[in-house]
Amino acid sequence: MIDLYILLASLAGFVALALAMDKHAKHFLRRTLPALACRILRVLGWVLLALALYMNFHARGWSIGSVAWLGWLTIAGAALVFYMPNWPWQPVQPQPARKAREVKPQEGASLEAIRSPWGRRVAVALLVLLPVGFAVAFVNTPLKPTMRDDAYSGRIGPWSFTLAEENHKLPQEAAGSYHKSFYVRFCERCDADIRSAYLKIRKPRSLRAAGSVLGGTRWDRWVEIPIPPAAKLSDQLWLTVEAKDGSLHHKAIDFAQVSPSLARFIESK
């Protein structure tokens, strides 16, 4: 649903900017607008585009949100450009007479196919379907685990982070033991201060026993941790972060806050 709001805000922003221009105002309204109305529409158009940018940042973060914003701007702009020639209220422009020229039979047949109403409609439909197909694929692309609504957000030491399970399934058995995968995303500005991060069940006694190290140094870090056979709900998930200055920071998190499926699995044992 958020993608629909972003598309509508982008399209409305482009329409407002178009109406603020005399050429396009005549095209849509058959008249020009006063200077004050043009200034208001110009400000409104940029505000709507900025609102679409904010919604992208809020839903997907700064890095992915900026790319998604440009994609939705492309789709909204293409839809407006392709629809403008079919606007029913546009003024009729007299067409100058064209000098007939002699063409070859094969060339004439191809030109007639393009100039025919059905040929133009098919060409426009193909051009419109490209951004529409991109939009459908983008909407159906699942969000990263750390960007889902059920992701856990907290602070460890001076840094903020988001922790989420890879999926909502029960722990999977492999090599005689059960495992569960998680993603951790630290804030973009503080990520450069972190040397490594670890995740495990039960409180670590030292850095060597801090648990499984999270792979990756930026953005989403991933780890698969084993589930101890005698694990209890009181053991909690423990996130350990080692800073580049050598300091250690620990954070205990209840299973139910991050992974209800893991909590049910441990409780049923």
Protein backbone atom coordinates (compact mmCIF):
# COMPACT_ATOMS: atom_id res chain seq x y z
CA MET A 1 0.00 0.00 0.00
CA ILE A 2 2.89 2.38 0.72
CA ASP A 3 4.06 2.00 -2.88
CA LEU A 4 0.65 3.13 -4.16
CA TYR A 5 0.87 6.26 -2.00
CA ILE A 6 4.38 6.95 -3.30
CA LEU A 7 3.24 6.59 -6.92
CA LEU A 8 0.22 8.85 -6.38
CA ALA A 9 2.31 11.50 -4.62
CA SER A 10 4.89 11.44 -7.43
CA LEU A 11 2.22 11.66 -10.13
CA ALA A 12 0.39 14.49 -8.33
CA GLY A 13 3.69 16.35 -7.92
CA PHE A 14 4.43 16.15 -11.64
CA VAL A 15 0.88 17.28 -12.51
CA ALA A 16 1.20 20.30 -10.19
CA LEU A 17 4.56 21.24 -11.73
CA ALA A 18 3.09 20.85 -15.22
CA LEU A 19 0.13 23.10 -14.43
CA ALA A 20 2.54 25.76 -13.13
CA MET A 21 3.92 26.07 -16.69
CA ASP A 22 1.94 28.12 -19.23
CA LYS A 23 2.47 25.62 -22.03
CA HIS A 24 1.12 22.64 -20.10
CA ALA A 25 -1.60 24.69 -18.40
CA LYS A 26 -2.99 25.51 -21.84
CA HIS A 27 -2.76 21.85 -22.71
CA PHE A 28 -4.72 20.68 -19.65
CA LEU A 29 -7.01 23.65 -18.94
CA ARG A 30 -7.09 25.53 -22.28
CA ARG A 31 -5.93 28.65 -20.46
CA THR A 32 -3.02 30.00 -18.43
CA LEU A 33 -3.14 30.47 -14.69
CA PRO A 34 -2.36 33.61 -12.67
CA ALA A 35 1.17 34.09 -11.42
CA LEU A 36 0.17 33.44 -7.80
CA ALA A 37 -1.52 30.16 -8.70
CA CYS A 38 1.56 29.09 -10.66
CA ARG A 39 3.82 29.78 -7.67
CA ILE A 40 1.51 27.82 -5.35
CA LEU A 41 1.39 24.87 -7.76
CA ARG A 42 5.16 24.94 -8.17
CA VAL A 43 5.68 24.79 -4.39
CA LEU A 44 2.99 22.11 -4.04
CA GLY A 45 4.62 19.99 -6.74
CA TRP A 46 8.03 20.01 -5.07
CA VAL A 47 6.44 19.32 -1.68
CA LEU A 48 4.66 16.26 -3.09
CA LEU A 49 7.87 14.95 -4.64
CA ALA A 50 9.65 15.49 -1.32
CA LEU A 51 6.82 13.66 0.44
CA ALA A 52 7.31 10.70 -1.91
CA LEU A 53 11.03 10.76 -1.09
CA TYR A 54 10.30 10.78 2.65
CA MET A 55 7.89 7.82 2.33
CA ASN A 56 10.58 5.86 0.48
CA PHE A 57 13.16 6.65 3.16
CA HIS A 58 10.74 5.72 5.93
CA ALA A 59 9.82 2.39 4.32
CA ARG A 60 13.19 1.27 2.96
CA GLY A 61 15.96 3.33 4.51
CA TRP A 62 18.20 6.00 3.02
CA SER A 63 20.20 3.83 0.63
CA ILE A 64 17.42 1.76 -0.96
CA GLY A 65 14.81 4.49 -0.56
CA SER A 66 16.65 6.93 -2.82
CA VAL A 67 16.87 4.35 -5.62
CA ALA A 68 13.21 3.41 -5.18
CA TRP A 69 12.23 7.09 -5.28
CA LEU A 70 13.96 7.56 -8.64
CA GLY A 71 12.20 4.45 -9.94
CA TRP A 72 8.76 5.71 -8.94
CA LEU A 73 9.53 9.15 -10.40
CA THR A 74 10.36 7.47 -13.70
CA ILE A 75 7.11 5.52 -13.69
CA ALA A 76 4.98 8.56 -12.77
CA GLY A 77 6.70 10.76 -15.33
CA ALA A 78 6.35 8.17 -18.10
CA ALA A 79 2.65 7.68 -17.32
CA LEU A 80 2.02 11.44 -17.49
CA VAL A 81 3.98 11.87 -20.74
CA PHE A 82 2.18 9.03 -22.49
CA TYR A 83 -1.24 10.20 -21.32
CA MET A 84 -0.86 13.87 -22.25
CA PRO A 85 -1.46 13.35 -26.02
CA ASN A 86 -4.77 11.63 -25.17
CA TRP A 87 -6.01 14.39 -22.84
CA PRO A 88 -9.59 15.15 -24.05
CA TRP A 89 -9.54 18.89 -23.24
CA GLN A 90 -6.37 19.84 -25.07
CA PRO A 91 -6.72 22.55 -27.75
CA VAL A 92 -6.83 21.32 -31.30
CA GLN A 93 -3.78 22.46 -33.22
CA PRO A 94 -4.17 22.93 -37.00
CA GLN A 95 -1.88 20.60 -38.85
CA PRO A 96 0.01 22.08 -41.82
CA ALA A 97 -0.43 20.30 -45.08
CA ARG A 98 2.36 17.89 -45.81
CA LYS A 99 3.80 17.39 -49.20
CA ALA A 100 3.12 13.93 -50.47
CA ARG A 101 6.16 11.89 -51.28
CA GLU A 102 6.61 8.72 -53.15
CA VAL A 103 7.58 5.75 -51.02
CA LYS A 104 8.40 2.18 -51.76
CA PRO A 105 5.64 -0.40 -51.21
CA GLN A 106 7.34 -2.07 -48.23
CA GLU A 107 8.20 1.26 -46.56
CA GLY A 108 4.68 2.58 -47.10
CA ALA A 109 3.14 -0.53 -45.55
CA SER A 110 5.25 -0.20 -42.40
CA LEU A 111 4.49 3.52 -42.06
CA GLU A 112 0.77 2.95 -42.48
CA ALA A 113 0.84 0.32 -39.76
CA ILE A 114 2.43 2.81 -37.34
CA ARG A 115 0.20 5.72 -38.37
CA SER A 116 -2.99 3.74 -37.96
CA PRO A 117 -4.88 4.23 -34.65
CA TRP A 118 -4.37 0.62 -33.61
CA GLY A 119 -0.68 0.77 -34.45
CA ARG A 120 -0.19 3.85 -32.27
CA ARG A 121 -2.15 2.27 -29.43
CA VAL A 122 -0.07 -0.88 -29.52
CA ALA A 123 3.16 1.16 -29.53
CA VAL A 124 2.01 3.30 -26.59
CA ALA A 125 0.80 0.20 -24.71
CA LEU A 126 4.20 -1.46 -25.09
CA LEU A 127 6.00 1.64 -23.82
CA VAL A 128 3.64 1.96 -20.85
CA LEU A 129 3.89 -1.72 -19.94
CA LEU A 130 7.64 -1.44 -19.36
CA PRO A 131 7.43 0.84 -16.29
CA VAL A 132 4.26 -0.94 -15.14
CA GLY A 133 6.08 -4.27 -15.23
CA PHE A 134 8.92 -2.73 -13.23
CA ALA A 135 6.42 -1.42 -10.67
CA VAL A 136 4.74 -4.82 -10.27
CA ALA A 137 8.08 -6.55 -9.82
CA PHE A 138 9.22 -3.91 -7.32
CA VAL A 139 6.01 -4.13 -5.26
CA ASN A 140 6.19 -7.93 -5.13
CA THR A 141 9.82 -7.93 -4.02
CA PRO A 142 9.86 -8.87 -0.32
CA LEU A 143 11.33 -6.41 2.14
CA LYS A 144 14.57 -7.23 3.86
CA PRO A 145 14.02 -8.78 7.31
CA THR A 146 15.43 -5.74 9.13
CA MET A 147 12.91 -3.50 7.34
CA ARG A 148 9.82 -5.50 8.29
CA ASP A 149 7.35 -4.15 10.82
CA ASP A 150 8.09 -7.02 13.23
CA ALA A 151 11.83 -6.26 13.40
CA TYR A 152 13.19 -5.44 16.86
CA SER A 153 14.84 -2.04 17.30
CA GLY A 154 17.10 -1.13 20.21
CA ARG A 155 20.42 0.33 21.32
CA ILE A 156 23.66 -1.33 22.28
CA GLY A 157 26.28 0.96 23.72
CA PRO A 158 26.21 4.24 21.73
CA TRP A 159 24.70 2.61 18.62
CA SER A 160 21.19 1.85 17.45
CA PHE A 161 20.40 -1.42 15.68
CA THR A 162 17.60 -3.53 14.19
CA LEU A 163 17.43 -7.28 14.71
CA ALA A 164 15.10 -9.65 12.84
CA GLU A 165 14.76 -13.34 12.14
CA GLU A 166 15.31 -14.36 8.52
CA ASN A 167 11.89 -16.03 8.35
CA HIS A 168 9.05 -16.96 10.67
CA LYS A 169 9.62 -20.70 10.44
CA LEU A 170 10.65 -22.94 13.33
CA PRO A 171 14.39 -23.67 13.70
CA GLN A 172 15.64 -26.08 11.05
CA GLU A 173 17.57 -29.25 11.87
CA ALA A 174 20.97 -29.71 10.26
CA ALA A 175 23.81 -32.09 11.21
CA GLY A 176 21.96 -33.29 14.29
CA SER A 177 21.26 -29.85 15.77
CA TYR A 178 18.79 -27.01 15.27
CA HIS A 179 19.71 -23.61 13.85
CA LYS A 180 18.03 -20.25 13.36
CA SER A 181 19.13 -17.38 11.09
CA PHE A 182 19.02 -13.68 11.97
CA TYR A 183 19.85 -10.33 10.36
CA VAL A 184 21.26 -7.30 12.20
CA ARG A 185 21.47 -3.80 10.77
CA PHE A 186 23.33 -1.04 12.61
CA CYS A 187 22.81 2.65 11.99
CA GLU A 188 24.63 3.83 8.88
CA ARG A 189 26.69 6.50 10.65
CA CYS A 190 27.80 4.29 13.55
CA ASP A 191 28.47 1.14 11.50
CA ALA A 192 31.96 2.36 10.67
CA ASP A 193 32.90 2.29 14.40
CA ILE A 194 32.08 -1.41 14.79
CA ARG A 195 34.78 -4.04 14.32
CA SER A 196 32.62 -7.16 14.71
CA ALA A 197 29.30 -8.33 16.12
CA TYR A 198 28.23 -11.66 17.62
CA LEU A 199 24.94 -13.35 18.46
CA LYS A 200 24.23 -16.34 20.67
CA ILE A 201 21.84 -17.87 23.17
CA ARG A 202 22.87 -17.40 26.84
CA LYS A 203 25.10 -14.71 28.26
CA PRO A 204 28.68 -14.85 26.93
CA ARG A 205 31.46 -15.20 29.46
CA SER A 206 34.20 -13.77 27.25
CA LEU A 207 34.80 -12.54 23.73
CA ARG A 208 35.90 -16.03 22.68
CA ALA A 209 32.50 -17.33 23.78
CA ALA A 210 30.55 -14.41 22.35
CA GLY A 211 28.80 -16.69 19.84
CA SER A 212 28.59 -16.78 16.07
CA VAL A 213 30.06 -13.78 14.30
CA LEU A 214 27.75 -11.85 11.99
CA GLY A 215 28.95 -11.84 8.39
CA GLY A 216 29.39 -8.52 6.59
CA THR A 217 30.80 -5.18 7.67
CA ARG A 218 28.05 -2.82 6.49
CA TRP A 219 24.30 -2.75 6.02
CA ASP A 220 22.64 -6.09 6.82
CA ARG A 221 24.80 -8.58 8.69
CA TRP A 222 23.69 -12.22 8.73
CA VAL A 223 24.32 -15.09 11.12
CA GLU A 224 23.01 -18.58 11.78
CA ILE A 225 23.18 -19.61 15.42
CA PRO A 226 22.79 -23.08 16.95
CA ILE A 227 20.01 -23.76 19.47
CA PRO A 228 21.43 -25.46 22.59
CA PRO A 229 19.48 -28.62 23.53
CA ALA A 230 18.89 -27.34 27.07
CA ALA A 231 18.00 -23.78 26.08
CA LYS A 232 15.39 -21.99 28.23
CA LEU A 233 13.40 -18.83 27.70
CA SER A 234 15.35 -17.15 30.47
CA ASP A 235 18.62 -17.60 28.54
CA GLN A 236 17.65 -14.85 26.07
CA LEU A 237 19.40 -13.79 22.88
CA TRP A 238 22.68 -11.96 23.52
CA LEU A 239 24.10 -9.49 21.03
CA THR A 240 27.76 -8.61 21.56
CA VAL A 241 29.47 -5.77 19.69
CA GLU A 242 33.21 -5.12 19.66
CA ALA A 243 34.12 -1.54 18.80
CA LYS A 244 37.26 -0.56 16.92
CA ASP A 245 38.60 1.04 20.10
CA GLY A 246 38.48 -2.38 21.82
CA SER A 247 35.43 -1.81 24.02
CA LEU A 248 32.73 -4.50 24.34
CA HIS A 249 28.99 -3.97 24.60
CA HIS A 250 26.29 -6.54 25.38
CA LYS A 251 22.53 -6.52 24.88
CA ALA A 252 20.08 -9.18 26.15
CA ILE A 253 16.84 -9.58 24.18
CA ASP A 254 13.87 -11.82 24.92
CA PHE A 255 13.17 -14.46 22.29
CA ALA A 256 9.55 -13.39 21.87
CA GLN A 257 10.60 -9.84 20.94
CA VAL A 258 12.63 -11.01 17.96
CA SER A 259 11.45 -14.51 17.04
CA PRO A 260 8.13 -15.80 18.43
CA SER A 261 8.71 -19.04 16.50
CA LEU A 262 12.00 -19.62 18.34
CA ALA A 263 10.28 -18.86 21.66
CA ARG A 264 7.58 -21.44 20.92
CA PHE A 265 10.22 -23.97 19.89
CA ILE A 266 12.23 -23.55 23.11
CA GLU A 267 9.10 -23.54 25.27
CA SER A 268 7.84 -26.80 23.72
CA LYS A 269 11.08 -28.69 24.40
